[in-house]
């Protein structure tokens, strides 16, 4: 792995730890709401290392994905390059964080405590689709019920 890719890998991994720590351990704290509640603050640290790594390979990535139907072999070939693995890692961190942020917001709206939100958000960072599925299941009736009553004009207007 190139020194730049390795640096970006560790930088992104380190910069995202505080965001996850806030969502896990202080989910309803004002600092968490300020930092995680603002997508620019919670995701921006990952965008810089991602952009640094993706810009040089963007033409080849676009060509690879637009000239052939994506296949398992295409992905294996792309990941043969260690720098591409670092790029994919940062890509996963960003999407896992967006997914976790979405679940965290739902947990806050439904008043789920740390005993429920922590394991769900932990799943989001480890296996995001499973964490999102659990987060949706745990908040579905309350959040979706809120949305439908607001659309029908029966919800409160307070935010």
Protein backbone atom coordinates (compact mmCIF):
# COMPACT_ATOMS: atom_id res chain seq x y z
CA UNK A 1 0.00 0.00 0.00
CA UNK A 2 1.33 3.42 -0.85
CA UNK A 3 2.27 5.72 2.03
CA UNK A 4 -0.47 8.15 0.97
CA UNK A 5 -3.19 5.47 0.95
CA UNK A 6 -2.03 4.15 4.31
CA UNK A 7 -2.05 7.65 5.79
CA UNK A 8 -5.55 8.35 4.45
CA UNK A 9 -6.75 4.97 5.77
CA UNK A 10 -5.55 5.73 9.32
CA UNK A 11 -6.62 9.38 9.17
CA UNK A 12 -10.19 8.50 8.19
CA UNK A 13 -10.34 5.69 10.75
CA UNK A 14 -9.15 7.98 13.54
CA UNK A 15 -11.29 10.97 12.59
CA UNK A 16 -14.53 9.04 12.66
CA UNK A 17 -14.02 7.54 16.14
CA UNK A 18 -15.34 10.64 17.99
CA UNK A 19 -18.53 10.67 15.91
CA UNK A 20 -19.28 7.04 16.73
CA UNK A 21 -18.26 7.53 20.36
CA UNK A 22 -20.73 10.38 20.73
CA UNK A 23 -23.56 8.39 19.13
CA UNK A 24 -22.80 5.34 21.29
CA UNK A 25 -22.10 6.84 24.68
CA UNK A 26 -23.76 10.29 24.69
CA UNK A 27 -26.61 9.88 22.19
CA UNK A 28 -28.80 12.68 23.54
CA UNK A 29 -26.08 15.10 24.69
CA UNK A 30 -26.16 18.61 23.18
CA UNK A 31 -22.61 18.16 21.83
CA UNK A 32 -23.66 14.98 20.01
CA UNK A 33 -26.69 16.72 18.57
CA UNK A 34 -24.49 19.58 17.38
CA UNK A 35 -21.73 17.43 15.84
CA UNK A 36 -23.59 14.36 14.62
CA UNK A 37 -26.72 16.35 13.88
CA UNK A 38 -24.81 18.33 11.27
CA UNK A 39 -23.95 16.02 8.36
CA UNK A 40 -21.22 18.41 7.27
CA UNK A 41 -19.37 18.01 10.55
CA UNK A 42 -19.94 14.29 10.96
CA UNK A 43 -19.09 13.25 7.39
CA UNK A 44 -16.60 15.92 6.24
CA UNK A 45 -13.63 14.28 7.98
CA UNK A 46 -14.12 11.26 5.71
CA UNK A 47 -14.55 13.24 2.52
CA UNK A 48 -11.06 14.72 2.52
CA UNK A 49 -9.15 11.40 2.67
CA UNK A 50 -11.65 9.86 0.23
CA UNK A 51 -11.24 12.66 -2.31
CA UNK A 52 -7.44 12.52 -1.98
CA UNK A 53 -7.52 8.83 -2.91
CA UNK A 54 -10.36 8.79 -5.44
CA UNK A 55 -9.35 11.71 -7.69
CA UNK A 56 -6.26 9.98 -9.16
CA UNK A 57 -8.18 6.73 -9.89
CA UNK A 58 -11.56 8.22 -10.80
CA UNK A 59 -11.12 7.87 -14.58
CA UNK A 60 -10.15 4.20 -14.29
CA UNK A 61 -12.97 3.50 -11.83
CA UNK A 62 -15.55 5.14 -14.07
CA UNK A 63 -14.20 3.29 -17.08
CA UNK A 64 -14.18 -0.05 -15.25
CA UNK A 65 -17.76 0.31 -14.04
CA UNK A 66 -19.16 1.80 -17.24
CA UNK A 67 -17.50 -0.52 -19.75
CA UNK A 68 -18.44 -3.82 -18.10
CA UNK A 69 -21.38 -5.01 -16.07
CA UNK A 70 -20.09 -5.05 -12.49
CA UNK A 71 -19.20 -8.60 -11.59
CA UNK A 72 -17.52 -10.35 -8.68
CA UNK A 73 -14.40 -10.71 -10.81
CA UNK A 74 -14.33 -6.99 -11.58
CA UNK A 75 -14.45 -6.24 -7.85
CA UNK A 76 -11.73 -8.80 -7.12
CA UNK A 77 -9.57 -7.25 -9.84
CA UNK A 78 -10.11 -3.75 -8.42
CA UNK A 79 -9.29 -4.90 -4.90
CA UNK A 80 -6.06 -6.50 -6.07
CA UNK A 81 -4.69 -2.97 -5.74
CA UNK A 82 -4.02 -2.26 -2.06
CA UNK A 83 -4.67 1.45 -2.53
CA UNK A 84 -8.14 0.55 -3.82
CA UNK A 85 -8.74 -1.42 -0.62
CA UNK A 86 -7.95 1.71 1.42
CA UNK A 87 -10.33 3.71 -0.77
CA UNK A 88 -13.05 1.08 -0.31
CA UNK A 89 -12.50 1.15 3.46
CA UNK A 90 -13.05 4.91 3.60
CA UNK A 91 -16.08 4.49 1.33
CA UNK A 92 -17.53 1.95 3.80
CA UNK A 93 -16.74 4.20 6.78
CA UNK A 94 -18.61 7.09 5.15
CA UNK A 95 -21.67 5.02 4.26
CA UNK A 96 -21.70 3.23 7.63
CA UNK A 97 -21.56 6.63 9.34
CA UNK A 98 -24.43 7.98 7.23
CA UNK A 99 -26.44 4.86 8.05
CA UNK A 100 -25.57 5.14 11.74
CA UNK A 101 -26.47 8.82 11.78
CA UNK A 102 -29.86 7.97 10.23
CA UNK A 103 -30.50 5.31 12.90
CA UNK A 104 -29.24 7.61 15.68
CA UNK A 105 -31.73 10.30 14.60
CA UNK A 106 -34.58 7.77 14.66
CA UNK A 107 -33.50 6.52 18.09
CA UNK A 108 -33.54 10.09 19.41
CA UNK A 109 -37.00 10.80 17.96
CA UNK A 110 -38.42 7.67 19.55
CA UNK A 111 -36.68 8.17 22.89
CA UNK A 112 -34.79 4.87 22.74
CA UNK A 113 -32.28 4.69 25.55
CA UNK A 114 -28.63 3.75 25.37
CA UNK A 115 -29.42 0.10 26.15
CA UNK A 116 -31.23 -0.06 22.81
CA UNK A 117 -29.33 2.49 20.76
CA UNK A 118 -25.79 1.36 21.60
CA UNK A 119 -26.04 -2.23 20.30
CA UNK A 120 -28.01 -1.07 17.28
CA UNK A 121 -25.47 1.62 16.41
CA UNK A 122 -22.63 -0.81 17.07
CA UNK A 123 -24.15 -3.08 14.42
CA UNK A 124 -24.35 -0.08 12.09
CA UNK A 125 -20.60 0.45 12.25
CA UNK A 126 -19.77 -3.25 11.98
CA UNK A 127 -22.43 -4.51 9.55
CA UNK A 128 -24.41 -1.46 8.49
CA UNK A 129 -27.31 -3.12 6.65
CA UNK A 130 -28.07 -5.30 9.68
CA UNK A 131 -27.81 -2.30 12.02
CA UNK A 132 -30.12 -0.24 9.81
CA UNK A 133 -32.62 -3.11 9.61
CA UNK A 134 -32.64 -3.43 13.41
CA UNK A 135 -32.84 0.35 13.84
CA UNK A 136 -35.81 0.54 11.49
CA UNK A 137 -37.53 -2.36 13.25
CA UNK A 138 -37.04 -0.75 16.66
CA UNK A 139 -38.34 2.64 15.58
CA UNK A 140 -40.78 1.87 12.77
CA UNK A 141 -44.16 2.32 14.47
CA UNK A 142 -43.25 5.45 16.38
CA UNK A 143 -41.37 7.37 13.67
CA UNK A 144 -43.57 6.23 10.80
CA UNK A 145 -46.70 6.89 12.85
CA UNK A 146 -45.42 10.41 13.56
CA UNK A 147 -44.86 11.04 9.85
CA UNK A 148 -48.31 9.84 8.81
CA UNK A 149 -50.09 11.83 11.50
CA UNK A 150 -48.12 14.95 10.50
CA UNK A 151 -49.06 14.42 6.84
CA UNK A 152 -52.71 14.06 7.83
CA UNK A 153 -52.59 17.31 9.76
CA UNK A 154 -53.00 15.63 13.13
CA UNK A 155 -49.43 15.98 14.38
CA UNK A 156 -48.04 18.77 16.46
CA UNK A 157 -46.44 21.68 14.71
CA UNK A 158 -43.67 22.01 17.29
CA UNK A 159 -40.22 20.87 16.21
